[in-house]
N, C-alpha and C. Protein backbone atom coordinates (compact mmCIF):
# COMPACT_ATOMS: atom_id res chain seq x y z
N MET A 1 29.08 -41.66 -12.34
CA MET A 1 28.29 -40.79 -13.25
C MET A 1 27.33 -39.93 -12.55
N LYS A 2 26.80 -40.44 -11.46
CA LYS A 2 25.80 -39.60 -10.63
C LYS A 2 26.58 -38.44 -9.95
N ARG A 3 27.81 -38.66 -9.50
CA ARG A 3 28.60 -37.63 -8.89
C ARG A 3 28.91 -36.54 -9.84
N GLN A 4 29.31 -36.90 -11.02
CA GLN A 4 29.63 -35.91 -12.01
C GLN A 4 28.44 -35.08 -12.30
N PHE A 5 27.27 -35.67 -12.48
CA PHE A 5 26.04 -34.88 -12.67
C PHE A 5 25.75 -33.91 -11.58
N MET A 6 25.91 -34.40 -10.38
CA MET A 6 25.66 -33.50 -9.27
C MET A 6 26.73 -32.31 -9.20
N THR A 7 27.99 -32.65 -9.45
CA THR A 7 29.05 -31.57 -9.57
C THR A 7 28.69 -30.61 -10.69
N PHE A 8 28.29 -31.05 -11.76
CA PHE A 8 27.85 -30.11 -12.86
C PHE A 8 26.67 -29.26 -12.53
N CYS A 9 25.74 -29.80 -11.86
CA CYS A 9 24.57 -29.02 -11.29
C CYS A 9 24.97 -27.90 -10.40
N CYS A 10 25.91 -28.33 -9.49
CA CYS A 10 26.34 -27.35 -8.44
C CYS A 10 27.08 -26.18 -9.06
N CYS A 11 27.80 -26.51 -10.12
CA CYS A 11 28.58 -25.47 -10.86
C CYS A 11 27.68 -24.54 -11.49
N LEU A 12 26.60 -25.09 -12.07
CA LEU A 12 25.60 -24.21 -12.80
C LEU A 12 24.89 -23.31 -11.78
N LEU A 13 24.59 -23.82 -10.66
CA LEU A 13 24.00 -23.02 -9.54
C LEU A 13 24.98 -21.92 -9.11
N ALA A 14 26.19 -22.23 -8.95
CA ALA A 14 27.12 -21.20 -8.58
C ALA A 14 27.22 -20.08 -9.54
N LEU A 15 27.24 -20.45 -10.94
CA LEU A 15 27.20 -19.41 -11.97
C LEU A 15 26.03 -18.51 -11.91
N GLY A 16 24.87 -19.17 -11.55
CA GLY A 16 23.54 -18.32 -11.51
C GLY A 16 23.63 -17.33 -10.30
N ALA A 17 24.26 -17.76 -9.23
CA ALA A 17 24.33 -16.95 -8.07
C ALA A 17 25.18 -15.73 -8.23
N ASN A 18 26.14 -15.78 -9.11
CA ASN A 18 27.00 -14.58 -9.41
C ASN A 18 26.29 -13.56 -10.29
N ALA A 19 25.22 -14.02 -10.92
CA ALA A 19 24.56 -13.10 -11.90
C ALA A 19 23.49 -12.31 -11.14
N GLN A 20 23.29 -12.46 -9.93
CA GLN A 20 22.31 -11.79 -9.10
C GLN A 20 22.64 -10.33 -8.82
N PRO A 21 21.74 -9.36 -8.62
CA PRO A 21 22.11 -8.02 -8.45
C PRO A 21 22.76 -7.77 -7.06
N GLY A 22 23.66 -6.80 -7.07
CA GLY A 22 24.47 -6.63 -5.82
C GLY A 22 23.70 -5.81 -4.81
N ILE A 23 24.58 -5.43 -3.77
CA ILE A 23 23.93 -4.71 -2.65
C ILE A 23 23.56 -3.34 -3.02
N SER A 24 24.31 -2.63 -3.86
CA SER A 24 23.91 -1.27 -4.31
C SER A 24 22.59 -1.28 -5.02
N GLU A 25 22.33 -2.25 -5.81
CA GLU A 25 21.11 -2.34 -6.60
C GLU A 25 19.94 -2.60 -5.64
N MET A 26 20.19 -3.38 -4.71
CA MET A 26 19.05 -3.66 -3.63
C MET A 26 18.74 -2.48 -2.84
N GLN A 27 19.74 -1.62 -2.45
CA GLN A 27 19.57 -0.46 -1.75
C GLN A 27 18.85 0.58 -2.57
N GLN A 28 19.17 0.63 -3.81
CA GLN A 28 18.37 1.46 -4.80
C GLN A 28 17.00 1.14 -4.93
N ALA A 29 16.69 -0.12 -4.97
CA ALA A 29 15.31 -0.57 -5.07
C ALA A 29 14.56 -0.28 -3.82
N GLN A 30 15.20 -0.44 -2.66
CA GLN A 30 14.50 -0.15 -1.37
C GLN A 30 14.27 1.37 -1.26
N GLN A 31 15.14 2.23 -1.73
CA GLN A 31 14.94 3.60 -1.70
C GLN A 31 13.83 4.05 -2.63
N ASN A 32 13.71 3.43 -3.79
CA ASN A 32 12.64 3.68 -4.79
C ASN A 32 11.26 3.28 -4.16
N LEU A 33 11.23 2.15 -3.50
CA LEU A 33 10.04 1.66 -2.87
C LEU A 33 9.61 2.59 -1.72
N ARG A 34 10.61 3.09 -0.99
CA ARG A 34 10.22 4.02 0.17
C ARG A 34 9.70 5.39 -0.43
N SER A 35 10.29 5.90 -1.39
CA SER A 35 9.86 7.14 -2.00
C SER A 35 8.39 7.06 -2.59
N THR A 36 8.25 5.93 -3.32
CA THR A 36 6.97 5.69 -3.86
C THR A 36 5.89 5.46 -2.86
N PHE A 37 6.28 4.71 -1.85
CA PHE A 37 5.20 4.34 -0.81
C PHE A 37 4.84 5.63 -0.02
N PHE A 38 5.76 6.37 0.35
CA PHE A 38 5.39 7.56 1.14
C PHE A 38 4.63 8.59 0.28
N SER A 39 4.82 8.69 -1.01
CA SER A 39 3.93 9.51 -1.75
C SER A 39 2.53 8.88 -1.84
N ALA A 40 2.45 7.58 -1.89
CA ALA A 40 1.15 6.92 -1.94
C ALA A 40 0.46 7.08 -0.50
N MET A 41 1.22 7.17 0.52
CA MET A 41 0.64 7.31 1.86
C MET A 41 0.06 8.80 1.85
N ASP A 42 0.68 9.78 1.40
CA ASP A 42 0.21 11.06 1.36
C ASP A 42 -1.14 11.12 0.49
N CYS A 43 -1.09 10.51 -0.63
CA CYS A 43 -2.31 10.44 -1.47
C CYS A 43 -3.45 9.73 -0.77
N ALA A 44 -3.21 8.73 0.06
CA ALA A 44 -4.25 8.10 0.76
C ALA A 44 -4.83 8.92 1.83
N GLN A 45 -4.04 9.71 2.49
CA GLN A 45 -4.46 10.56 3.51
C GLN A 45 -5.21 11.87 2.96
N VAL A 46 -4.72 12.30 1.75
CA VAL A 46 -5.50 13.36 1.09
C VAL A 46 -6.94 12.86 0.67
N LEU A 47 -6.97 11.60 0.16
CA LEU A 47 -8.19 11.03 -0.25
C LEU A 47 -9.11 10.87 0.95
N ALA A 48 -8.63 10.38 2.11
CA ALA A 48 -9.42 10.26 3.31
C ALA A 48 -9.96 11.63 3.74
N ALA A 49 -9.11 12.78 3.63
CA ALA A 49 -9.63 14.09 4.03
C ALA A 49 -10.71 14.53 3.06
N VAL A 50 -10.50 14.28 1.77
CA VAL A 50 -11.55 14.68 0.77
C VAL A 50 -12.82 13.91 0.98
N PHE A 51 -12.71 12.61 1.24
CA PHE A 51 -13.96 11.83 1.57
C PHE A 51 -14.71 12.36 2.78
N GLY A 52 -13.92 12.75 3.82
CA GLY A 52 -14.55 13.34 5.04
C GLY A 52 -15.22 14.64 4.84
N ILE A 53 -14.59 15.51 3.99
CA ILE A 53 -15.18 16.77 3.77
C ILE A 53 -16.36 16.73 2.90
N ILE A 54 -16.28 15.89 1.83
CA ILE A 54 -17.45 15.78 0.93
C ILE A 54 -18.58 15.04 1.62
N GLY A 55 -18.27 14.06 2.54
CA GLY A 55 -19.30 13.42 3.30
C GLY A 55 -19.94 14.27 4.17
N ALA A 56 -19.18 15.14 4.89
CA ALA A 56 -19.75 16.16 5.88
C ALA A 56 -20.73 17.11 5.25
N VAL A 57 -20.27 17.59 4.00
CA VAL A 57 -21.16 18.58 3.31
C VAL A 57 -22.44 17.92 2.84
N ARG A 58 -22.38 16.66 2.35
CA ARG A 58 -23.62 16.05 1.90
C ARG A 58 -24.44 15.70 3.02
N ILE A 59 -23.90 15.17 4.14
CA ILE A 59 -24.73 14.86 5.30
C ILE A 59 -25.46 16.12 5.89
N TYR A 60 -24.63 17.22 5.94
CA TYR A 60 -25.28 18.47 6.51
C TYR A 60 -26.35 18.97 5.58
N HIS A 61 -26.24 18.80 4.20
CA HIS A 61 -27.21 19.20 3.39
C HIS A 61 -28.49 18.37 3.46
N ASN A 62 -28.30 17.12 3.54
CA ASN A 62 -29.42 16.20 3.73
C ASN A 62 -30.16 16.43 4.98
N TRP A 63 -29.37 16.72 6.10
CA TRP A 63 -29.94 16.97 7.37
C TRP A 63 -30.80 18.27 7.43
N GLN A 64 -30.25 19.28 6.73
CA GLN A 64 -30.98 20.51 6.58
C GLN A 64 -32.24 20.44 5.74
N MET A 65 -32.21 19.51 4.76
CA MET A 65 -33.40 19.32 3.93
C MET A 65 -34.47 18.37 4.56
N GLY A 66 -34.10 17.87 5.75
CA GLY A 66 -35.08 17.09 6.40
C GLY A 66 -35.21 15.60 6.04
N HIS A 67 -34.20 15.05 5.44
CA HIS A 67 -34.21 13.67 5.12
C HIS A 67 -34.13 12.82 6.46
N PRO A 68 -35.06 11.88 6.56
CA PRO A 68 -35.22 11.21 7.83
C PRO A 68 -34.07 10.26 8.27
N ARG A 69 -33.39 9.59 7.23
CA ARG A 69 -32.42 8.53 7.60
C ARG A 69 -31.11 8.87 6.98
N ILE A 70 -30.43 9.56 7.83
CA ILE A 70 -29.02 9.95 7.42
C ILE A 70 -27.92 9.17 8.12
N ASP A 71 -28.42 8.30 8.97
CA ASP A 71 -27.47 7.35 9.74
C ASP A 71 -26.55 6.50 8.77
N GLU A 72 -27.23 5.94 7.76
CA GLU A 72 -26.45 5.14 6.83
C GLU A 72 -25.39 5.98 6.07
N GLN A 73 -25.75 7.16 5.75
CA GLN A 73 -24.75 7.98 5.00
C GLN A 73 -23.65 8.36 5.99
N VAL A 74 -23.91 8.61 7.21
CA VAL A 74 -22.93 8.96 8.21
C VAL A 74 -21.92 7.77 8.22
N ALA A 75 -22.42 6.58 8.44
CA ALA A 75 -21.59 5.50 8.58
C ALA A 75 -20.80 5.18 7.23
N ALA A 76 -21.38 5.40 6.10
CA ALA A 76 -20.71 5.08 4.87
C ALA A 76 -19.63 6.06 4.64
N TRP A 77 -19.81 7.32 4.82
CA TRP A 77 -18.77 8.37 4.54
C TRP A 77 -17.59 8.17 5.65
N PHE A 78 -18.02 7.90 6.87
CA PHE A 78 -16.99 7.78 7.88
C PHE A 78 -16.09 6.52 7.66
N PHE A 79 -16.69 5.46 7.23
CA PHE A 79 -15.89 4.24 6.96
C PHE A 79 -15.11 4.29 5.71
N ALA A 80 -15.53 5.10 4.74
CA ALA A 80 -14.81 5.31 3.49
C ALA A 80 -13.45 6.04 3.83
N ALA A 81 -13.61 7.06 4.68
CA ALA A 81 -12.40 7.78 5.08
C ALA A 81 -11.45 6.85 5.97
N PHE A 82 -12.16 6.17 6.94
CA PHE A 82 -11.33 5.36 7.82
C PHE A 82 -10.61 4.17 7.05
N PHE A 83 -11.27 3.67 6.02
CA PHE A 83 -10.61 2.64 5.22
C PHE A 83 -9.36 3.17 4.58
N MET A 84 -9.45 4.41 4.04
CA MET A 84 -8.22 4.95 3.37
C MET A 84 -7.08 5.16 4.35
N VAL A 85 -7.42 5.51 5.63
CA VAL A 85 -6.37 5.70 6.57
C VAL A 85 -5.76 4.32 7.03
N LEU A 86 -6.68 3.28 7.16
CA LEU A 86 -6.15 1.95 7.55
C LEU A 86 -5.40 1.30 6.47
N ALA A 87 -5.77 1.67 5.23
CA ALA A 87 -5.05 0.97 4.11
C ALA A 87 -3.61 1.38 4.04
N GLY A 88 -3.39 2.69 4.36
CA GLY A 88 -1.96 3.12 4.43
C GLY A 88 -1.27 2.38 5.58
N VAL A 89 -1.83 2.23 6.71
CA VAL A 89 -1.17 1.60 7.90
C VAL A 89 -0.91 0.13 7.49
N PHE A 90 -1.96 -0.54 6.83
CA PHE A 90 -1.74 -1.93 6.54
C PHE A 90 -0.59 -2.09 5.55
N LEU A 91 -0.52 -1.22 4.54
CA LEU A 91 0.58 -1.40 3.64
C LEU A 91 1.97 -1.06 4.20
N ARG A 92 1.93 -0.19 5.19
CA ARG A 92 3.29 0.06 5.90
C ARG A 92 3.65 -1.16 6.68
N GLY A 93 2.68 -1.88 7.27
CA GLY A 93 3.12 -3.02 7.95
C GLY A 93 3.54 -4.16 7.10
N VAL A 94 2.89 -4.29 5.85
CA VAL A 94 3.26 -5.35 4.89
C VAL A 94 4.59 -5.18 4.40
N PHE A 95 4.87 -3.97 3.99
CA PHE A 95 6.18 -3.69 3.42
C PHE A 95 7.31 -3.45 4.49
N GLY A 96 7.00 -3.32 5.73
CA GLY A 96 7.97 -3.19 6.80
C GLY A 96 8.63 -1.72 6.80
N LEU A 97 7.93 -0.75 6.38
CA LEU A 97 8.54 0.57 6.32
C LEU A 97 8.16 1.42 7.48
């Protein structure tokens, strides 16, 4: 009885394995991921550039106005841009692209 049950379970597992997507579907999914990922990388780099430019203009304005403590602003804008660049590198490492 136990052998028959085990044989039945193995047959059900074999039927489930045939229902999985094939190689062409997996390659299509990988291609979709690559195209989406690289457009997201471009977006992250554009955002980093925008953060850098806006930060530079704001810091320059505050410096010209004579604000005494702009060090925190320099660090904040620098690390905002740096984070966007590193986020793209981290995601590339996680997805293996």
